[in-house]
Amino acid sequence: MSRRKWFQMLVITVVTACLLVFSGMASAQGNSDNAFERVKEVQERHTAKLMAQKGVVGTAAGLTEDDRPAVLVLLEQTGVAQIPGELDGVPVRALVTGKIEALGSSKALPSKGKASQKIDPTDWFERPVPIGVSTGNATSYSAGTIGCRVSHGGSVYALSNNHVYALENTASIGDKVVQPGLYDTGGKYDPQNDIGTLTAFVPIEFSTSANNTVDAAIAASTTDLLGNSTPADGYGMPTSSTTTATVGMAVQKYGRTTSLTRGTVTAINAIINIGYSSGTARFTGQIIVQSRAPFIKAGDSGSLLVTDPGKSPVGLLFAGDSSGKFAIANNIDAVLSALGVNIDGE
């Protein structure tokens, strides 16, 4: 055999092997996607019965401890009886999360940022203010986080949660929105802190049979008052294009209380009861993020969840457990669609 012919055969062999590998990877990904679709079908079919049990706060599609697609059952505490090991052939994993609550009320807010922080997101910032810092309704002694700058028809808006800007449906359109929130100014209102006015919000239905999908609101602003990048110690400017959350995705956020934190999407399609000062509201289609260190604390509500790396928007954070290691986010595409806006990013 000539050297040239031998080389040609070698190239053909290598190319064929590569094609088989890529084909196998694509097939595995397809099988994984199909498996999660099956999990979601089973989860939704049994959620009502599962959540009727005392101590069950929600369900989701995630993984078993050995990484098999599974229905997750979220519990207030250990010892909840009658949680099956599987449903319709799909594994079930019980996960103790404790109660899940919206994280923006003044009742739960910590004190101002640590003195050791070089940048304190609770401080007043030069205009245009960065995203990821303290904000709130000027009529409320509270504070949350500016998620990002969004736009529509040439106008720009600050995006945050309903419970941050619209005060759980009780605020009035046209209310002034400030930076920082009044909790971080000792309750004192200063007109120089104004960055916009409440323009729209998605009402929250307070019921354990509701089908809320987003906790979101926007405040009309200007590019002179509102920027579209985090402070220098954050992830920077998010992209204008969004990404759908998937189990195992690495994510990050910058917020008023805990600044830059990183975590992992551990479940999708969460159906979960969220506690508010106005009552309990059931949310569907939510994203669950977990981390070893606290990922979200009170005051971080409204933070934008983005990929890590990549900075592509994934969700709008609004709730979590008492440890801060278990966070809940709305699907960002659902938020943008509900409010008719787009991410104003790079």
C-alpha atoms as a PDB file:
ATOM      1  CA  MET A   1       0.000   0.000   0.000  1.00  0.00           C
ATOM      2  CA  SER A   2       1.333   3.410  -0.933  1.00  0.00           C
ATOM      3  CA  ARG A   3       1.920   6.009   1.758  1.00  0.00           C
ATOM      4  CA  ARG A   4      -0.636   8.314   0.090  1.00  0.00           C
ATOM      5  CA  LYS A   5      -3.362   5.664   0.082  1.00  0.00           C
ATOM      6  CA  TRP A   6      -2.560   4.726   3.676  1.00  0.00           C
ATOM      7  CA  PHE A   7      -2.897   8.391   4.709  1.00  0.00           C
ATOM      8  CA  GLN A   8      -6.271   8.695   2.909  1.00  0.00           C
ATOM      9  CA  MET A   9      -7.594   5.629   4.743  1.00  0.00           C
ATOM     10  CA  LEU A  10      -6.370   7.043   8.052  1.00  0.00           C
ATOM     11  CA  VAL A  11      -8.204  10.336   7.439  1.00  0.00           C
ATOM     12  CA  ILE A  12     -11.426   8.488   6.549  1.00  0.00           C
ATOM     13  CA  THR A  13     -11.161   6.399   9.721  1.00  0.00           C
ATOM     14  CA  VAL A  14     -10.621   9.438  11.957  1.00  0.00           C
ATOM     15  CA  VAL A  15     -13.476  11.392  10.369  1.00  0.00           C
ATOM     16  CA  THR A  16     -15.827   8.426  10.721  1.00  0.00           C
ATOM     17  CA  ALA A  17     -14.920   8.024  14.401  1.00  0.00           C
ATOM     18  CA  CYS A  18     -15.549  11.712  15.051  1.00  0.00           C
ATOM     19  CA  LEU A  19     -18.922  11.558  13.347  1.00  0.00           C
ATOM     20  CA  LEU A  20     -19.911   8.586  15.501  1.00  0.00           C
ATOM     21  CA  VAL A  21     -18.857  10.420  18.667  1.00  0.00           C
ATOM     22  CA  PHE A  22     -20.802  13.580  17.767  1.00  0.00           C
ATOM     23  CA  SER A  23     -23.784  11.467  16.763  1.00  0.00           C
ATOM     24  CA  GLY A  24     -23.681   9.727  20.128  1.00  0.00           C
ATOM     25  CA  MET A  25     -23.468  13.064  21.942  1.00  0.00           C
ATOM     26  CA  ALA A  26     -26.445  14.437  20.037  1.00  0.00           C
ATOM     27  CA  SER A  27     -28.404  11.268  20.722  1.00  0.00           C
ATOM     28  CA  ALA A  28     -27.582  11.455  24.444  1.00  0.00           C
ATOM     29  CA  GLN A  29     -28.691  15.104  24.535  1.00  0.00           C
ATOM     30  CA  GLY A  30     -31.900  14.210  22.765  1.00  0.00           C
ATOM     31  CA  ASN A  31     -32.542  11.373  25.204  1.00  0.00           C
ATOM     32  CA  SER A  32     -31.900  13.766  28.105  1.00  0.00           C
ATOM     33  CA  ASP A  33     -34.357  16.321  26.700  1.00  0.00           C
ATOM     34  CA  ASN A  34     -36.951  13.607  26.175  1.00  0.00           C
ATOM     35  CA  ALA A  35     -36.398  12.319  29.704  1.00  0.00           C
ATOM     36  CA  PHE A  36     -37.100  15.754  31.223  1.00  0.00           C
ATOM     37  CA  GLU A  37     -40.225  16.160  29.098  1.00  0.00           C
ATOM     38  CA  ARG A  38     -41.424  12.855  30.519  1.00  0.00           C
ATOM     39  CA  VAL A  39     -40.554  14.005  34.057  1.00  0.00           C
ATOM     40  CA  LYS A  40     -42.493  17.253  33.588  1.00  0.00           C
ATOM     41  CA  GLU A  41     -45.556  15.383  32.325  1.00  0.00           C
ATOM     42  CA  VAL A  42     -45.542  13.096  35.377  1.00  0.00           C
ATOM     43  CA  GLN A  43     -44.774  15.995  37.738  1.00  0.00           C
ATOM     44  CA  GLU A  44     -47.696  18.082  36.508  1.00  0.00           C
ATOM     45  CA  ARG A  45     -50.054  15.085  36.593  1.00  0.00           C
ATOM     46  CA  HIS A  46     -49.354  14.416  40.287  1.00  0.00           C
ATOM     47  CA  THR A  47     -48.609  17.903  41.661  1.00  0.00           C
ATOM     48  CA  ALA A  48     -52.105  18.633  42.996  1.00  0.00           C
ATOM     49  CA  LYS A  49     -52.163  15.413  45.013  1.00  0.00           C
ATOM     50  CA  LEU A  50     -48.611  15.889  46.285  1.00  0.00           C
ATOM     51  CA  MET A  51     -49.126  19.522  47.295  1.00  0.00           C
ATOM     52  CA  ALA A  52     -52.349  18.647  49.102  1.00  0.00           C
ATOM     53  CA  GLN A  53     -50.171  16.963  51.706  1.00  0.00           C
ATOM     54  CA  LYS A  54     -49.189  19.007  54.727  1.00  0.00           C
ATOM     55  CA  GLY A  55     -45.542  20.017  54.581  1.00  0.00           C
ATOM     56  CA  VAL A  56     -45.180  19.877  50.792  1.00  0.00           C
ATOM     57  CA  VAL A  57     -44.379  23.321  49.347  1.00  0.00           C
ATOM     58  CA  GLY A  58     -43.834  22.420  45.713  1.00  0.00           C
ATOM     59  CA  THR A  59     -42.643  20.113  42.951  1.00  0.00           C
ATOM     60  CA  ALA A  60     -40.121  20.421  40.137  1.00  0.00           C
ATOM     61  CA  ALA A  61     -38.217  18.546  37.450  1.00  0.00           C
ATOM     62  CA  GLY A  62     -34.643  17.839  38.517  1.00  0.00           C
ATOM     63  CA  LEU A  63     -32.240  15.020  39.282  1.00  0.00           C
ATOM     64  CA  THR A  64     -31.875  12.208  41.783  1.00  0.00           C
ATOM     65  CA  GLU A  65     -28.744  12.097  43.917  1.00  0.00           C
ATOM     66  CA  ASP A  66     -27.226   9.813  41.281  1.00  0.00           C
ATOM     67  CA  ASP A  67     -28.131  12.240  38.468  1.00  0.00           C
ATOM     68  CA  ARG A  68     -31.189  10.557  36.955  1.00  0.00           C
ATOM     69  CA  PRO A  69     -34.050  12.799  35.763  1.00  0.00           C
ATOM     70  CA  ALA A  70     -36.637  12.845  38.545  1.00  0.00           C
ATOM     71  CA  VAL A  71     -39.678  14.534  40.039  1.00  0.00           C
ATOM     72  CA  LEU A  72     -38.561  16.650  43.004  1.00  0.00           C
ATOM     73  CA  VAL A  73     -40.922  17.081  45.950  1.00  0.00           C
ATOM     74  CA  LEU A  74     -40.039  20.165  48.000  1.00  0.00           C
ATOM     75  CA  LEU A  75     -40.679  19.866  51.739  1.00  0.00           C
ATOM     76  CA  GLU A  76     -40.907  22.269  54.676  1.00  0.00           C
ATOM     77  CA  GLN A  77     -39.213  19.754  56.959  1.00  0.00           C
ATOM     78  CA  THR A  78     -38.164  16.129  57.190  1.00  0.00           C
ATOM     79  CA  GLY A  79     -40.668  13.459  58.142  1.00  0.00           C
ATOM     80  CA  VAL A  80     -43.398  14.254  55.619  1.00  0.00           C
ATOM     81  CA  ALA A  81     -45.198  10.958  55.077  1.00  0.00           C
ATOM     82  CA  GLN A  82     -46.508   9.360  51.897  1.00  0.00           C
ATOM     83  CA  ILE A  83     -43.868  10.623  49.467  1.00  0.00           C
ATOM     84  CA  PRO A  84     -43.560   7.795  46.907  1.00  0.00           C
ATOM     85  CA  GLY A  85     -40.247   6.510  45.608  1.00  0.00           C
ATOM     86  CA  GLU A  86     -41.482   6.799  42.032  1.00  0.00           C
ATOM     87  CA  LEU A  87     -44.478   7.988  40.019  1.00  0.00           C
ATOM     88  CA  ASP A  88     -45.502   6.326  36.771  1.00  0.00           C
ATOM     89  CA  GLY A  89     -42.040   4.820  36.501  1.00  0.00           C
ATOM     90  CA  VAL A  90     -40.230   8.130  37.120  1.00  0.00           C
ATOM     91  CA  PRO A  91     -37.962   8.416  40.200  1.00  0.00           C
ATOM     92  CA  VAL A  92     -39.067  10.795  42.962  1.00  0.00           C
ATOM     93  CA  ARG A  93     -36.654  12.696  45.198  1.00  0.00           C
ATOM     94  CA  ALA A  94     -37.760  14.423  48.390  1.00  0.00           C
ATOM     95  CA  LEU A  95     -35.838  17.669  48.995  1.00  0.00           C
ATOM     96  CA  VAL A  96     -36.113  19.652  52.234  1.00  0.00           C
ATOM     97  CA  THR A  97     -36.107  23.371  51.420  1.00  0.00           C
ATOM     98  CA  GLY A  98     -38.055  24.854  54.295  1.00  0.00           C
ATOM     99  CA  LYS A  99     -40.587  27.580  53.557  1.00  0.00           C
ATOM    100  CA  ILE A 100     -39.949  29.667  50.453  1.00  0.00           C
ATOM    101  CA  GLU A 101     -40.630  33.394  50.704  1.00  0.00           C
ATOM    102  CA  ALA A 102     -40.411  36.511  48.564  1.00  0.00           C
ATOM    103  CA  LEU A 103     -37.227  38.331  49.592  1.00  0.00           C
ATOM    104  CA  GLY A 104     -37.898  42.034  49.590  1.00  0.00           C
ATOM    105  CA  SER A 105     -39.924  42.993  52.630  1.00  0.00           C
ATOM    106  CA  SER A 106     -38.418  45.303  55.207  1.00  0.00           C
ATOM    107  CA  LYS A 107     -39.271  42.788  57.938  1.00  0.00           C
ATOM    108  CA  ALA A 108     -36.493  40.471  56.743  1.00  0.00           C
ATOM    109  CA  LEU A 109     -33.917  42.901  55.396  1.00  0.00           C
ATOM    110  CA  PRO A 110     -30.448  42.775  56.935  1.00  0.00           C
ATOM    111  CA  SER A 111     -28.439  45.798  57.961  1.00  0.00           C
ATOM    112  CA  LYS A 112     -26.422  47.753  55.414  1.00  0.00           C
ATOM    113  CA  GLY A 113     -23.529  46.089  53.603  1.00  0.00           C
ATOM    114  CA  LYS A 114     -20.363  45.095  55.402  1.00  0.00           C
ATOM    115  CA  ALA A 115     -17.824  47.858  55.914  1.00  0.00           C
ATOM    116  CA  SER A 116     -15.206  45.649  54.246  1.00  0.00           C
ATOM    117  CA  GLN A 117     -17.035  45.812  50.913  1.00  0.00           C
ATOM    118  CA  LYS A 118     -15.275  48.141  48.484  1.00  0.00           C
ATOM    119  CA  ILE A 119     -18.566  48.674  46.671  1.00  0.00           C
ATOM    120  CA  ASP A 120     -21.731  48.707  48.760  1.00  0.00           C
ATOM    121  CA  PRO A 121     -24.866  48.056  46.620  1.00  0.00           C
ATOM    122  CA  THR A 122     -27.004  49.709  49.316  1.00  0.00           C
ATOM    123  CA  ASP A 123     -25.295  53.083  48.779  1.00  0.00           C
ATOM    124  CA  TRP A 124     -26.393  56.017  46.617  1.00  0.00           C
ATOM    125  CA  PHE A 125     -24.775  55.826  43.166  1.00  0.00           C
ATOM    126  CA  GLU A 126     -23.876  58.527  40.688  1.00  0.00           C
ATOM    127  CA  ARG A 127     -26.340  58.773  37.819  1.00  0.00           C
ATOM    128  CA  PRO A 128     -26.814  56.847  35.625  1.00  0.00           C
ATOM    129  CA  VAL A 129     -27.091  54.231  38.378  1.00  0.00           C
ATOM    130  CA  PRO A 130     -25.810  50.702  37.740  1.00  0.00           C
ATOM    131  CA  ILE A 131     -28.076  47.658  37.757  1.00  0.00           C
ATOM    132  CA  GLY A 132     -27.985  45.221  40.667  1.00  0.00           C
ATOM    133  CA  VAL A 133     -28.177  47.905  43.374  1.00  0.00           C
ATOM    134  CA  SER A 134     -30.703  49.063  45.971  1.00  0.00           C
ATOM    135  CA  THR A 135     -34.040  50.420  44.771  1.00  0.00           C
ATOM    136  CA  GLY A 136     -37.660  50.663  45.853  1.00  0.00           C
ATOM    137  CA  ASN A 137     -40.983  52.438  45.788  1.00  0.00           C
ATOM    138  CA  ALA A 138     -40.677  55.911  47.346  1.00  0.00           C
ATOM    139  CA  THR A 139     -43.753  55.276  49.518  1.00  0.00           C
ATOM    140  CA  SER A 140     -42.371  52.139  51.194  1.00  0.00           C
ATOM    141  CA  TYR A 141     -39.778  51.590  53.915  1.00  0.00           C
ATOM    142  CA  SER A 142     -38.162  48.697  52.054  1.00  0.00           C
ATOM    143  CA  ALA A 143     -35.564  47.914  49.406  1.00  0.00           C
ATOM    144  CA  GLY A 144     -34.983  45.463  46.588  1.00  0.00           C
ATOM    145  CA  THR A 145     -32.745  45.276  43.536  1.00  0.00           C
ATOM    146  CA  ILE A 146     -32.720  46.823  40.059  1.00  0.00           C
ATOM    147  CA  GLY A 147     -32.612  43.731  37.847  1.00  0.00           C
ATOM    148  CA  CYS A 148     -31.647  45.368  34.580  1.00  0.00           C
ATOM    149  CA  ARG A 149     -32.588  48.056  32.082  1.00  0.00           C
ATOM    150  CA  VAL A 150     -35.275  47.077  29.602  1.00  0.00           C
ATOM    151  CA  SER A 151     -36.678  48.947  26.626  1.00  0.00           C
ATOM    152  CA  HIS A 152     -39.689  49.338  24.387  1.00  0.00           C
ATOM    153  CA  GLY A 153     -40.370  51.785  21.566  1.00  0.00           C
ATOM    154  CA  GLY A 154     -37.392  54.001  22.339  1.00  0.00           C
ATOM    155  CA  SER A 155     -38.150  54.250  26.075  1.00  0.00           C
ATOM    156  CA  VAL A 156     -36.176  52.600  28.863  1.00  0.00           C
ATOM    157  CA  TYR A 157     -37.341  51.140  32.157  1.00  0.00           C
ATOM    158  CA  ALA A 158     -35.930  49.684  35.357  1.00  0.00           C
ATOM    159  CA  LEU A 159     -37.014  46.061  35.816  1.00  0.00           C
ATOM    160  CA  SER A 160     -37.604  44.592  39.264  1.00  0.00           C
ATOM    161  CA  ASN A 161     -40.262  42.588  41.099  1.00  0.00           C
ATOM    162  CA  ASN A 162     -43.908  43.464  41.697  1.00  0.00           C
ATOM    163  CA  HIS A 163     -43.278  43.196  45.432  1.00  0.00           C
ATOM    164  CA  VAL A 164     -40.344  45.634  45.167  1.00  0.00           C
ATOM    165  CA  TYR A 165     -41.923  48.329  42.954  1.00  0.00           C
ATOM    166  CA  ALA A 166     -45.677  47.624  43.084  1.00  0.00           C
ATOM    167  CA  LEU A 167     -45.745  46.514  46.741  1.00  0.00           C
ATOM    168  CA  GLU A 168     -47.714  43.306  46.177  1.00  0.00           C
ATOM    169  CA  ASN A 169     -50.338  44.977  43.939  1.00  0.00           C
ATOM    170  CA  THR A 170     -50.990  47.868  46.348  1.00  0.00           C
ATOM    171  CA  ALA A 171     -48.925  50.655  44.746  1.00  0.00           C
ATOM    172  CA  SER A 172     -50.278  53.190  42.266  1.00  0.00           C
ATOM    173  CA  ILE A 173     -49.092  53.657  38.705  1.00  0.00           C
ATOM    174  CA  GLY A 174     -46.997  56.818  38.718  1.00  0.00           C
ATOM    175  CA  ASP A 175     -45.477  56.204  42.159  1.00  0.00           C
ATOM    176  CA  LYS A 176     -41.896  57.440  42.314  1.00  0.00           C
ATOM    177  CA  VAL A 177     -39.148  54.823  42.252  1.00  0.00           C
ATOM    178  CA  VAL A 178     -35.880  55.634  44.015  1.00  0.00           C
ATOM    179  CA  GLN A 179     -32.261  54.532  44.291  1.00  0.00           C
ATOM    180  CA  PRO A 180     -31.435  53.547  46.950  1.00  0.00           C
ATOM    181  CA  GLY A 181     -34.646  52.181  48.498  1.00  0.00           C
ATOM    182  CA  LEU A 182     -35.956  53.959  51.586  1.00  0.00           C
ATOM    183  CA  TYR A 183     -34.767  51.129  53.855  1.00  0.00           C
ATOM    184  CA  ASP A 184     -31.208  52.147  52.961  1.00  0.00           C
ATOM    185  CA  THR A 185     -31.792  55.857  53.625  1.00  0.00           C
ATOM    186  CA  GLY A 186     -33.266  55.352  57.077  1.00  0.00           C
ATOM    187  CA  GLY A 187     -36.763  55.957  55.713  1.00  0.00           C
ATOM    188  CA  LYS A 188     -35.918  59.441  54.462  1.00  0.00           C
ATOM    189  CA  TYR A 189     -37.180  60.406  51.005  1.00  0.00           C
ATOM    190  CA  ASP A 190     -35.006  62.723  48.894  1.00  0.00           C
ATOM    191  CA  PRO A 191     -36.206  63.863  45.435  1.00  0.00           C
ATOM    192  CA  GLN A 192     -32.598  63.606  44.243  1.00  0.00           C
ATOM    193  CA  ASN A 193     -32.909  59.828  44.637  1.00  0.00           C
ATOM    194  CA  ASP A 194     -35.706  59.552  42.040  1.00  0.00           C
ATOM    195  CA  ILE A 195     -34.840  57.394  39.017  1.00  0.00           C
ATOM    196  CA  GLY A 196     -38.300  56.875  37.536  1.00  0.00           C
ATOM    197  CA  THR A 197     -41.992  56.152  38.040  1.00  0.00           C
ATOM    198  CA  LEU A 198     -43.947  52.915  38.317  1.00  0.00           C
ATOM    199  CA  THR A 199     -45.315  52.204  34.839  1.00  0.00           C
ATOM    200  CA  ALA A 200     -46.661  48.651  34.836  1.00  0.00           C
ATOM    201  CA  PHE A 201     -46.726  45.474  36.901  1.00  0.00           C
ATOM    202  CA  VAL A 202     -48.093  41.965  36.601  1.00  0.00           C
ATOM    203  CA  PRO A 203     -50.662  41.409  39.396  1.00  0.00           C
ATOM    204  CA  ILE A 204     -49.968  38.544  41.796  1.00  0.00           C
ATOM    205  CA  GLU A 205     -52.901  36.269  42.649  1.00  0.00           C
ATOM    206  CA  PHE A 206     -52.649  35.210  46.278  1.00  0.00           C
ATOM    207  CA  SER A 207     -53.987  31.673  46.280  1.00  0.00           C
ATOM    208  CA  THR A 208     -52.558  28.169  46.552  1.00  0.00           C
ATOM    209  CA  SER A 209     -54.509  27.243  43.424  1.00  0.00           C
ATOM    210  CA  ALA A 210     -53.256  30.200  41.359  1.00  0.00           C
ATOM    211  CA  ASN A 211     -51.047  29.897  38.297  1.00  0.00           C
ATOM    212  CA  ASN A 212     -48.767  32.931  38.704  1.00  0.00           C
ATOM    213  CA  THR A 213     -45.753  32.866  36.407  1.00  0.00           C
ATOM    214  CA  VAL A 214     -43.982  36.157  37.182  1.00  0.00           C
ATOM    215  CA  ASP A 215     -43.414  38.628  40.015  1.00  0.00           C
ATOM    216  CA  ALA A 216     -42.427  41.619  37.905  1.00  0.00           C
ATOM    217  CA  ALA A 217     -42.782  45.378  37.454  1.00  0.00           C
ATOM    218  CA  ILE A 218     -41.144  48.187  35.495  1.00  0.00           C
ATOM    219  CA  ALA A 219     -40.492  51.854  36.184  1.00  0.00           C
ATOM    220  CA  ALA A 220     -40.078  54.397  33.370  1.00  0.00           C
ATOM    221  CA  SER A 221     -36.625  56.018  33.469  1.00  0.00           C
ATOM    222  CA  THR A 222     -34.023  57.573  31.163  1.00  0.00           C
ATOM    223  CA  THR A 223     -30.513  56.676  30.059  1.00  0.00           C
ATOM    224  CA  ASP A 224     -29.279  59.708  32.021  1.00  0.00           C
ATOM    225  CA  LEU A 225     -30.659  58.205  35.236  1.00  0.00           C
ATOM    226  CA  LEU A 226     -30.329  54.459  34.635  1.00  0.00           C
ATOM    227  CA  GLY A 227     -27.382  52.481  33.282  1.00  0.00           C
ATOM    228  CA  ASN A 228     -27.349  48.895  32.019  1.00  0.00           C
ATOM    229  CA  SER A 229     -24.263  47.387  33.665  1.00  0.00           C
ATOM    230  CA  THR A 230     -23.489  46.209  37.194  1.00  0.00           C
ATOM    231  CA  PRO A 231     -20.965  47.961  39.462  1.00  0.00           C
ATOM    232  CA  ALA A 232     -17.300  47.234  38.740  1.00  0.00           C
ATOM    233  CA  ASP A 233     -17.233  44.164  41.014  1.00  0.00           C
ATOM    234  CA  GLY A 234     -20.138  42.543  39.166  1.00  0.00           C
ATOM    235  CA  TYR A 235     -20.517  40.568  35.940  1.00  0.00           C
ATOM    236  CA  GLY A 236     -20.880  43.660  33.757  1.00  0.00           C
ATOM    237  CA  MET A 237     -23.546  44.181  31.101  1.00  0.00           C
ATOM    238  CA  PRO A 238     -25.997  41.367  30.326  1.00  0.00           C
ATOM    239  CA  THR A 239     -26.620  40.364  26.743  1.00  0.00           C
ATOM    240  CA  SER A 240     -29.838  41.439  25.064  1.00  0.00           C
ATOM    241  CA  SER A 241     -30.513  37.847  23.969  1.00  0.00           C
ATOM    242  CA  THR A 242     -31.941  35.447  26.550  1.00  0.00           C
ATOM    243  CA  THR A 243     -31.284  31.785  27.315  1.00  0.00           C
ATOM    244  CA  THR A 244     -33.656  29.055  28.508  1.00  0.00           C
ATOM    245  CA  ALA A 245     -32.682  27.533  31.856  1.00  0.00           C
ATOM    246  CA  THR A 246     -31.542  23.906  31.850  1.00  0.00           C
ATOM    247  CA  VAL A 247     -30.667  21.600  34.729  1.00  0.00           C
ATOM    248  CA  GLY A 248     -26.943  21.856  35.458  1.00  0.00           C
ATOM    249  CA  MET A 249     -26.545  25.347  33.991  1.00  0.00           C
ATOM    250  CA  ALA A 250     -23.987  27.570  35.781  1.00  0.00           C
ATOM    251  CA  VAL A 251     -25.498  30.962  36.666  1.00  0.00           C
ATOM    252  CA  GLN A 252     -24.686  34.180  38.512  1.00  0.00           C
ATOM    253  CA  LYS A 253     -26.417  37.279  39.806  1.00  0.00           C
ATOM    254  CA  TYR A 254     -25.600  40.698  41.280  1.00  0.00           C
ATOM    255  CA  GLY A 255     -27.919  41.981  43.987  1.00  0.00           C
ATOM    256  CA  ARG A 256     -28.443  44.643  46.628  1.00  0.00           C
ATOM    257  CA  THR A 257     -27.537  42.461  49.606  1.00  0.00           C
ATOM    258  CA  THR A 258     -25.106  39.736  48.554  1.00  0.00           C
ATOM    259  CA  SER A 259     -23.522  41.413  45.486  1.00  0.00           C
ATOM    260  CA  LEU A 260     -22.054  38.885  43.016  1.00  0.00           C
ATOM    261  CA  THR A 261     -22.903  35.254  43.725  1.00  0.00           C
ATOM    262  CA  ARG A 262     -22.735  32.070  41.674  1.00  0.00           C
ATOM    263  CA  GLY A 263     -24.856  28.930  41.636  1.00  0.00           C
ATOM    264  CA  THR A 264     -26.328  26.131  39.538  1.00  0.00           C
ATOM    265  CA  VAL A 265     -29.781  25.557  38.097  1.00  0.00           C
ATOM    266  CA  THR A 266     -30.875  22.338  39.804  1.00  0.00           C
ATOM    267  CA  ALA A 267     -34.513  22.174  38.736  1.00  0.00           C
ATOM    268  CA  ILE A 268     -36.960  23.613  36.214  1.00  0.00           C
ATOM    269  CA  ASN A 269     -40.736  23.755  35.804  1.00  0.00           C
ATOM    270  CA  ALA A 270     -41.109  24.320  39.546  1.00  0.00           C
ATOM    271  CA  ILE A 271     -44.657  24.613  40.887  1.00  0.00           C
ATOM    272  CA  ILE A 272     -44.289  26.161  44.301  1.00  0.00           C
ATOM    273  CA  ASN A 273     -46.090  28.064  47.055  1.00  0.00           C
ATOM    274  CA  ILE A 274     -44.358  31.372  47.852  1.00  0.00           C
ATOM    275  CA  GLY A 275     -45.012  33.272  51.078  1.00  0.00           C
ATOM    276  CA  TYR A 276     -45.673  37.044  50.952  1.00  0.00           C
ATOM    277  CA  SER A 277     -46.844  39.531  53.557  1.00  0.00           C
ATOM    278  CA  SER A 278     -50.189  39.555  51.679  1.00  0.00           C
ATOM    279  CA  GLY A 279     -50.549  35.772  51.749  1.00  0.00           C
ATOM    280  CA  THR A 280     -49.389  32.691  49.872  1.00  0.00           C
ATOM    281  CA  ALA A 281     -49.202  32.633  46.083  1.00  0.00           C
ATOM    282  CA  ARG A 282     -48.675  29.560  43.916  1.00  0.00           C
ATOM    283  CA  PHE A 283     -46.239  29.997  41.031  1.00  0.00           C
ATOM    284  CA  THR A 284     -45.737  27.682  38.070  1.00  0.00           C
ATOM    285  CA  GLY A 285     -42.895  27.247  35.567  1.00  0.00           C
ATOM    286  CA  GLN A 286     -40.201  28.506  37.930  1.00  0.00           C
ATOM    287  CA  ILE A 287     -36.420  28.009  37.982  1.00  0.00           C
ATOM    288  CA  ILE A 288     -34.599  26.656  41.046  1.00  0.00           C
ATOM    289  CA  VAL A 289     -30.995  27.680  41.754  1.00  0.00           C
ATOM    290  CA  GLN A 290     -28.822  26.204  44.481  1.00  0.00           C
ATOM    291  CA  SER A 291     -25.365  27.088  45.807  1.00  0.00           C
ATOM    292  CA  ARG A 292     -23.002  26.082  48.596  1.00  0.00           C
ATOM    293  CA  ALA A 293     -22.757  29.638  49.940  1.00  0.00           C
ATOM    294  CA  PRO A 294     -25.783  31.973  50.179  1.00  0.00           C
ATOM    295  CA  PHE A 295     -26.899  32.891  46.670  1.00  0.00           C
ATOM    296  CA  ILE A 296     -29.766  35.237  47.561  1.00  0.00           C
ATOM    297  CA  LYS A 297     -30.836  37.100  50.687  1.00  0.00           C
ATOM    298  CA  ALA A 298     -33.594  39.534  51.595  1.00  0.00           C
ATOM    299  CA  GLY A 299     -33.124  42.667  49.503  1.00  0.00           C
ATOM    300  CA  ASP A 300     -31.773  40.736  46.502  1.00  0.00           C
ATOM    301  CA  SER A 301     -35.295  40.394  45.080  1.00  0.00           C
ATOM    302  CA  GLY A 302     -35.385  41.697  41.526  1.00  0.00           C
ATOM    303  CA  SER A 303     -31.851  40.567  40.663  1.00  0.00           C
ATOM    304  CA  LEU A 304     -31.292  39.354  37.120  1.00  0.00           C
ATOM    305  CA  LEU A 305     -30.155  35.726  36.779  1.00  0.00           C
ATOM    306  CA  VAL A 306     -27.612  35.319  33.963  1.00  0.00           C
ATOM    307  CA  THR A 307     -25.407  32.542  32.619  1.00  0.00           C
ATOM    308  CA  ASP A 308     -21.877  32.110  33.970  1.00  0.00           C
ATOM    309  CA  PRO A 309     -19.995  32.818  31.797  1.00  0.00           C
ATOM    310  CA  GLY A 310     -21.857  34.475  28.934  1.00  0.00           C
ATOM    311  CA  LYS A 311     -24.076  36.901  30.918  1.00  0.00           C
ATOM    312  CA  SER A 312     -27.180  35.813  28.980  1.00  0.00           C
ATOM    313  CA  PRO A 313     -30.386  36.547  30.961  1.00  0.00           C
ATOM    314  CA  VAL A 314     -32.115  33.421  32.265  1.00  0.00           C
ATOM    315  CA  GLY A 315     -34.484  34.554  35.007  1.00  0.00           C
ATOM    316  CA  LEU A 316     -35.690  37.220  37.433  1.00  0.00           C
ATOM    317  CA  LEU A 317     -35.009  36.258  41.051  1.00  0.00           C
ATOM    318  CA  PHE A 318     -37.694  36.909  43.640  1.00  0.00           C
ATOM    319  CA  ALA A 319     -37.755  34.292  46.408  1.00  0.00           C
ATOM    320  CA  GLY A 320     -35.690  31.853  48.447  1.00  0.00           C
ATOM    321  CA  ASP A 321     -35.308  29.884  51.657  1.00  0.00           C
ATOM    322  CA  SER A 322     -33.979  31.157  54.982  1.00  0.00           C
ATOM    323  CA  SER A 323     -30.398  29.991  54.288  1.00  0.00           C
ATOM    324  CA  GLY A 324     -30.146  31.833  50.970  1.00  0.00           C
ATOM    325  CA  LYS A 325     -28.759  28.692  49.324  1.00  0.00           C
ATOM    326  CA  PHE A 326     -32.026  27.856  47.578  1.00  0.00           C
ATOM    327  CA  ALA A 327     -33.374  30.523  45.187  1.00  0.00           C
ATOM    328  CA  ILE A 328     -36.398  30.852  42.906  1.00  0.00           C
ATOM    329  CA  ALA A 329     -36.514  32.793  39.638  1.00  0.00           C
ATOM    330  CA  ASN A 330     -39.166  33.544  37.032  1.00  0.00           C
ATOM    331  CA  ASN A 331     -38.380  32.526  33.458  1.00  0.00           C
ATOM    332  CA  ILE A 332     -37.013  35.756  31.954  1.00  0.00           C
ATOM    333  CA  ASP A 333     -38.829  35.254  28.639  1.00  0.00           C
ATOM    334  CA  ALA A 334     -42.136  35.045  30.539  1.00  0.00           C
ATOM    335  CA  VAL A 335     -41.265  38.307  32.339  1.00  0.00           C
ATOM    336  CA  LEU A 336     -40.373  40.170  29.141  1.00  0.00           C
ATOM    337  CA  SER A 337     -43.454  38.876  27.323  1.00  0.00           C
ATOM    338  CA  ALA A 338     -45.797  39.826  30.170  1.00  0.00           C
ATOM    339  CA  LEU A 339     -44.469  43.404  30.271  1.00  0.00           C
ATOM    340  CA  GLY A 340     -43.857  43.825  26.532  1.00  0.00           C
ATOM    341  CA  VAL A 341     -40.197  44.828  26.873  1.00  0.00           C
ATOM    342  CA  ASN A 342     -36.731  43.648  25.846  1.00  0.00           C
ATOM    343  CA  ILE A 343     -33.415  43.465  27.703  1.00  0.00           C
ATOM    344  CA  ASP A 344     -31.374  46.590  26.960  1.00  0.00           C
ATOM    345  CA  GLY A 345     -27.917  45.017  26.937  1.00  0.00           C
ATOM    346  CA  GLU A 346     -25.011  44.204  24.678  1.00  0.00           C
END
